[in-house]
Amino acid sequence: MCNRDHRMYRHHGMNCSRQFYTKEEKIEHLEEYKKWLEKEKIGVEEAIEELKKAS
């Protein structure tokens, strides 16, 4: 059964078919999530710049 603590894993390559994850798996998926967040930040910054140019 999925709960809020597993939300990140569900969205980043791990589904909720397992209840417990190894420390290594958690680290790997947190690193992937961090990379995704960094790319998302860059995208947001680019969108802000484009909107400022259009003003």
PDB file of N, CA and C in Angstrom:
ATOM      1  N   MET A   1       0.833  -1.181   0.000  1.00  0.00           N
ATOM      2  CA  MET A   1       0.000   0.000   0.000  1.00  0.00           C
ATOM      3  C   MET A   1       0.873   1.239   0.000  1.00  0.00           C
ATOM      4  N   CYS A   2       0.578   2.192  -0.861  1.00  0.00           N
ATOM      5  CA  CYS A   2       1.362   3.419  -0.965  1.00  0.00           C
ATOM      6  C   CYS A   2       0.952   4.400   0.118  1.00  0.00           C
ATOM      7  N   ASN A   3       1.915   5.167   0.564  1.00  0.00           N
ATOM      8  CA  ASN A   3       1.605   6.286   1.448  1.00  0.00           C
ATOM      9  C   ASN A   3       2.435   7.485   1.033  1.00  0.00           C
ATOM     10  N   ARG A   4       2.292   8.585   1.730  1.00  0.00           N
ATOM     11  CA  ARG A   4       2.975   9.813   1.342  1.00  0.00           C
ATOM     12  C   ARG A   4       4.483   9.652   1.288  1.00  0.00           C
ATOM     13  N   ASP A   5       5.076   8.852   2.165  1.00  0.00           N
ATOM     14  CA  ASP A   5       6.521   8.691   2.200  1.00  0.00           C
ATOM     15  C   ASP A   5       7.061   8.054   0.922  1.00  0.00           C
ATOM     16  N   HIS A   6       6.205   7.341   0.187  1.00  0.00           N
ATOM     17  CA  HIS A   6       6.647   6.674  -1.032  1.00  0.00           C
ATOM     18  C   HIS A   6       6.357   7.492  -2.283  1.00  0.00           C
ATOM     19  N   ARG A   7       5.787   8.671  -2.122  1.00  0.00           N
ATOM     20  CA  ARG A   7       5.394   9.476  -3.280  1.00  0.00           C
ATOM     21  C   ARG A   7       6.578   9.755  -4.212  1.00  0.00           C
ATOM     22  N   MET A   8       7.724  10.140  -3.652  1.00  0.00           N
ATOM     23  CA  MET A   8       8.879  10.448  -4.487  1.00  0.00           C
ATOM     24  C   MET A   8       9.292   9.231  -5.301  1.00  0.00           C
ATOM     25  N   TYR A   9       9.314   8.063  -4.673  1.00  0.00           N
ATOM     26  CA  TYR A   9       9.747   6.866  -5.376  1.00  0.00           C
ATOM     27  C   TYR A   9       8.794   6.513  -6.505  1.00  0.00           C
ATOM     28  N   ARG A  10       7.518   6.707  -6.286  1.00  0.00           N
ATOM     29  CA  ARG A  10       6.528   6.383  -7.301  1.00  0.00           C
ATOM     30  C   ARG A  10       6.726   7.257  -8.534  1.00  0.00           C
ATOM     31  N   HIS A  11       7.106   8.502  -8.336  1.00  0.00           N
ATOM     32  CA  HIS A  11       7.255   9.425  -9.454  1.00  0.00           C
ATOM     33  C   HIS A  11       8.637   9.376 -10.086  1.00  0.00           C
ATOM     34  N   HIS A  12       9.567   8.718  -9.457  1.00  0.00           N
ATOM     35  CA  HIS A  12      10.932   8.711  -9.972  1.00  0.00           C
ATOM     36  C   HIS A  12      11.489   7.304 -10.108  1.00  0.00           C
ATOM     37  N   GLY A  13      10.711   6.437 -10.670  1.00  0.00           N
ATOM     38  CA  GLY A  13      11.228   5.135 -11.044  1.00  0.00           C
ATOM     39  C   GLY A  13      10.934   3.987 -10.100  1.00  0.00           C
ATOM     40  N   MET A  14      10.478   4.243  -8.898  1.00  0.00           N
ATOM     41  CA  MET A  14      10.143   3.151  -7.997  1.00  0.00           C
ATOM     42  C   MET A  14       8.636   3.141  -7.818  1.00  0.00           C
ATOM     43  N   ASN A  15       8.053   1.988  -7.933  1.00  0.00           N
ATOM     44  CA  ASN A  15       6.623   1.923  -7.672  1.00  0.00           C
ATOM     45  C   ASN A  15       6.420   1.456  -6.233  1.00  0.00           C
ATOM     46  N   CYS A  16       5.196   1.350  -5.848  1.00  0.00           N
ATOM     47  CA  CYS A  16       4.905   1.011  -4.458  1.00  0.00           C
ATOM     48  C   CYS A  16       4.617  -0.469  -4.264  1.00  0.00           C
ATOM     49  N   SER A  17       5.152  -1.304  -5.119  1.00  0.00           N
ATOM     50  CA  SER A  17       4.918  -2.728  -4.944  1.00  0.00           C
ATOM     51  C   SER A  17       5.731  -3.280  -3.781  1.00  0.00           C
ATOM     52  N   ARG A  18       6.777  -2.564  -3.392  1.00  0.00           N
ATOM     53  CA  ARG A  18       7.580  -2.959  -2.229  1.00  0.00           C
ATOM     54  C   ARG A  18       7.353  -1.956  -1.117  1.00  0.00           C
ATOM     55  N   GLN A  19       7.484  -2.402   0.091  1.00  0.00           N
ATOM     56  CA  GLN A  19       7.266  -1.519   1.226  1.00  0.00           C
ATOM     57  C   GLN A  19       8.581  -0.991   1.782  1.00  0.00           C
ATOM     58  N   PHE A  20       9.662  -1.755   1.668  1.00  0.00           N
ATOM     59  CA  PHE A  20      10.926  -1.360   2.262  1.00  0.00           C
ATOM     60  C   PHE A  20      12.020  -1.295   1.192  1.00  0.00           C
ATOM     61  N   TYR A  21      12.851  -0.272   1.290  1.00  0.00           N
ATOM     62  CA  TYR A  21      13.924  -0.068   0.330  1.00  0.00           C
ATOM     63  C   TYR A  21      15.257  -0.046   1.068  1.00  0.00           C
ATOM     64  N   THR A  22      16.300  -0.500   0.388  1.00  0.00           N
ATOM     65  CA  THR A  22      17.625  -0.486   1.004  1.00  0.00           C
ATOM     66  C   THR A  22      18.142   0.943   1.062  1.00  0.00           C
ATOM     67  N   LYS A  23      19.114   1.152   1.907  1.00  0.00           N
ATOM     68  CA  LYS A  23      19.738   2.464   2.029  1.00  0.00           C
ATOM     69  C   LYS A  23      20.305   2.904   0.675  1.00  0.00           C
ATOM     70  N   GLU A  24      20.932   1.985  -0.034  1.00  0.00           N
ATOM     71  CA  GLU A  24      21.520   2.297  -1.335  1.00  0.00           C
ATOM     72  C   GLU A  24      20.446   2.724  -2.335  1.00  0.00           C
ATOM     73  N   GLU A  25      19.306   2.025  -2.317  1.00  0.00           N
ATOM     74  CA  GLU A  25      18.210   2.388  -3.217  1.00  0.00           C
ATOM     75  C   GLU A  25      17.677   3.785  -2.895  1.00  0.00           C
ATOM     76  N   LYS A  26      17.535   4.072  -1.611  1.00  0.00           N
ATOM     77  CA  LYS A  26      17.048   5.395  -1.216  1.00  0.00           C
ATOM     78  C   LYS A  26      18.003   6.487  -1.673  1.00  0.00           C
ATOM     79  N   ILE A  27      19.307   6.265  -1.482  1.00  0.00           N
ATOM     80  CA  ILE A  27      20.313   7.242  -1.903  1.00  0.00           C
ATOM     81  C   ILE A  27      20.253   7.445  -3.409  1.00  0.00           C
ATOM     82  N   GLU A  28      20.216   6.356  -4.168  1.00  0.00           N
ATOM     83  CA  GLU A  28      20.171   6.439  -5.626  1.00  0.00           C
ATOM     84  C   GLU A  28      18.962   7.234  -6.100  1.00  0.00           C
ATOM     85  N   HIS A  29      17.815   6.944  -5.536  1.00  0.00           N
ATOM     86  CA  HIS A  29      16.601   7.624  -5.977  1.00  0.00           C
ATOM     87  C   HIS A  29      16.552   9.069  -5.513  1.00  0.00           C
ATOM     88  N   LEU A  30      17.123   9.357  -4.353  1.00  0.00           N
ATOM     89  CA  LEU A  30      17.196  10.751  -3.918  1.00  0.00           C
ATOM     90  C   LEU A  30      18.131  11.546  -4.818  1.00  0.00           C
ATOM     91  N   GLU A  31      19.232  10.929  -5.254  1.00  0.00           N
ATOM     92  CA  GLU A  31      20.142  11.607  -6.181  1.00  0.00           C
ATOM     93  C   GLU A  31      19.455  11.873  -7.523  1.00  0.00           C
ATOM     94  N   GLU A  32      18.680  10.903  -8.009  1.00  0.00           N
ATOM     95  CA  GLU A  32      17.928  11.100  -9.252  1.00  0.00           C
ATOM     96  C   GLU A  32      16.897  12.210  -9.084  1.00  0.00           C
ATOM     97  N   TYR A  33      16.225  12.224  -7.948  1.00  0.00           N
ATOM     98  CA  TYR A  33      15.227  13.252  -7.667  1.00  0.00           C
ATOM     99  C   TYR A  33      15.882  14.626  -7.606  1.00  0.00           C
ATOM    100  N   LYS A  34      17.056  14.722  -7.024  1.00  0.00           N
ATOM    101  CA  LYS A  34      17.802  15.981  -6.947  1.00  0.00           C
ATOM    102  C   LYS A  34      18.138  16.486  -8.346  1.00  0.00           C
ATOM    103  N   LYS A  35      18.607  15.594  -9.221  1.00  0.00           N
ATOM    104  CA  LYS A  35      18.906  15.984 -10.599  1.00  0.00           C
ATOM    105  C   LYS A  35      17.654  16.498 -11.298  1.00  0.00           C
ATOM    106  N   TRP A  36      16.529  15.815 -11.077  1.00  0.00           N
ATOM    107  CA  TRP A  36      15.267  16.238 -11.682  1.00  0.00           C
ATOM    108  C   TRP A  36      14.885  17.628 -11.190  1.00  0.00           C
ATOM    109  N   LEU A  37      15.043  17.867  -9.888  1.00  0.00           N
ATOM    110  CA  LEU A  37      14.723  19.179  -9.324  1.00  0.00           C
ATOM    111  C   LEU A  37      15.627  20.266  -9.885  1.00  0.00           C
ATOM    112  N   GLU A  38      16.907  19.963 -10.071  1.00  0.00           N
ATOM    113  CA  GLU A  38      17.847  20.935 -10.627  1.00  0.00           C
ATOM    114  C   GLU A  38      17.453  21.308 -12.061  1.00  0.00           C
ATOM    115  N   LYS A  39      17.062  20.322 -12.851  1.00  0.00           N
ATOM    116  CA  LYS A  39      16.612  20.597 -14.218  1.00  0.00           C
ATOM    117  C   LYS A  39      15.322  21.404 -14.216  1.00  0.00           C
ATOM    118  N   GLU A  40      14.426  21.075 -13.300  1.00  0.00           N
ATOM    119  CA  GLU A  40      13.170  21.808 -13.190  1.00  0.00           C
ATOM    120  C   GLU A  40      13.440  23.270 -12.829  1.00  0.00           C
ATOM    121  N   LYS A  41      14.392  23.501 -11.934  1.00  0.00           N
ATOM    122  CA  LYS A  41      14.776  24.865 -11.532  1.00  0.00           C
ATOM    123  C   LYS A  41      15.280  25.657 -12.734  1.00  0.00           C
ATOM    124  N   ILE A  42      16.111  25.030 -13.550  1.00  0.00           N
ATOM    125  CA  ILE A  42      16.628  25.696 -14.746  1.00  0.00           C
ATOM    126  C   ILE A  42      15.482  26.049 -15.683  1.00  0.00           C
ATOM    127  N   GLY A  43      14.550  25.132 -15.858  1.00  0.00           N
ATOM    128  CA  GLY A  43      13.392  25.393 -16.709  1.00  0.00           C
ATOM    129  C   GLY A  43      12.553  26.550 -16.197  1.00  0.00           C
ATOM    130  N   VAL A  44      12.355  26.614 -14.901  1.00  0.00           N
ATOM    131  CA  VAL A  44      11.588  27.713 -14.302  1.00  0.00           C
ATOM    132  C   VAL A  44      12.319  29.036 -14.509  1.00  0.00           C
ATOM    133  N   GLU A  45      13.624  29.047 -14.306  1.00  0.00           N
ATOM    134  CA  GLU A  45      14.406  30.265 -14.508  1.00  0.00           C
ATOM    135  C   GLU A  45      14.323  30.738 -15.958  1.00  0.00           C
ATOM    136  N   GLU A  46      14.394  29.801 -16.907  1.00  0.00           N
ATOM    137  CA  GLU A  46      14.284  30.164 -18.321  1.00  0.00           C
ATOM    138  C   GLU A  46      12.904  30.731 -18.631  1.00  0.00           C
ATOM    139  N   ALA A  47      11.868  30.136 -18.065  1.00  0.00           N
ATOM    140  CA  ALA A  47      10.507  30.628 -18.288  1.00  0.00           C
ATOM    141  C   ALA A  47      10.341  32.026 -17.728  1.00  0.00           C
ATOM    142  N   ILE A  48      10.915  32.291 -16.575  1.00  0.00           N
ATOM    143  CA  ILE A  48      10.845  33.636 -15.979  1.00  0.00           C
ATOM    144  C   ILE A  48      11.542  34.641 -16.877  1.00  0.00           C
ATOM    145  N   GLU A  49      12.716  34.297 -17.367  1.00  0.00           N
ATOM    146  CA  GLU A  49      13.456  35.203 -18.249  1.00  0.00           C
ATOM    147  C   GLU A  49      12.665  35.507 -19.525  1.00  0.00           C
ATOM    148  N   GLU A  50      12.051  34.494 -20.111  1.00  0.00           N
ATOM    149  CA  GLU A  50      11.247  34.695 -21.322  1.00  0.00           C
ATOM    150  C   GLU A  50      10.071  35.625 -21.029  1.00  0.00           C
ATOM    151  N   LEU A  51       9.416  35.446 -19.904  1.00  0.00           N
ATOM    152  CA  LEU A  51       8.298  36.306 -19.541  1.00  0.00           C
ATOM    153  C   LEU A  51       8.751  37.751 -19.321  1.00  0.00           C
ATOM    154  N   LYS A  52       9.917  37.916 -18.721  1.00  0.00           N
ATOM    155  CA  LYS A  52      10.452  39.277 -18.509  1.00  0.00           C
ATOM    156  C   LYS A  52      10.757  39.949 -19.843  1.00  0.00           C
ATOM    157  N   LYS A  53      11.285  39.209 -20.793  1.00  0.00           N
ATOM    158  CA  LYS A  53      11.589  39.749 -22.124  1.00  0.00           C
ATOM    159  C   LYS A  53      10.318  40.176 -22.845  1.00  0.00           C
ATOM    160  N   ALA A  54       9.258  39.416 -22.638  1.00  0.00           N
ATOM    161  CA  ALA A  54       7.999  39.690 -23.328  1.00  0.00           C
ATOM    162  C   ALA A  54       7.265  40.897 -22.740  1.00  0.00           C
ATOM    163  N   SER A  55       7.656  41.315 -21.555  1.00  0.00           N
ATOM    164  CA  SER A  55       6.970  42.442 -20.905  1.00  0.00           C
ATOM    165  C   SER A  55       7.360  43.782 -21.472  1.00  0.00           C
TER     166      SER A  55
END
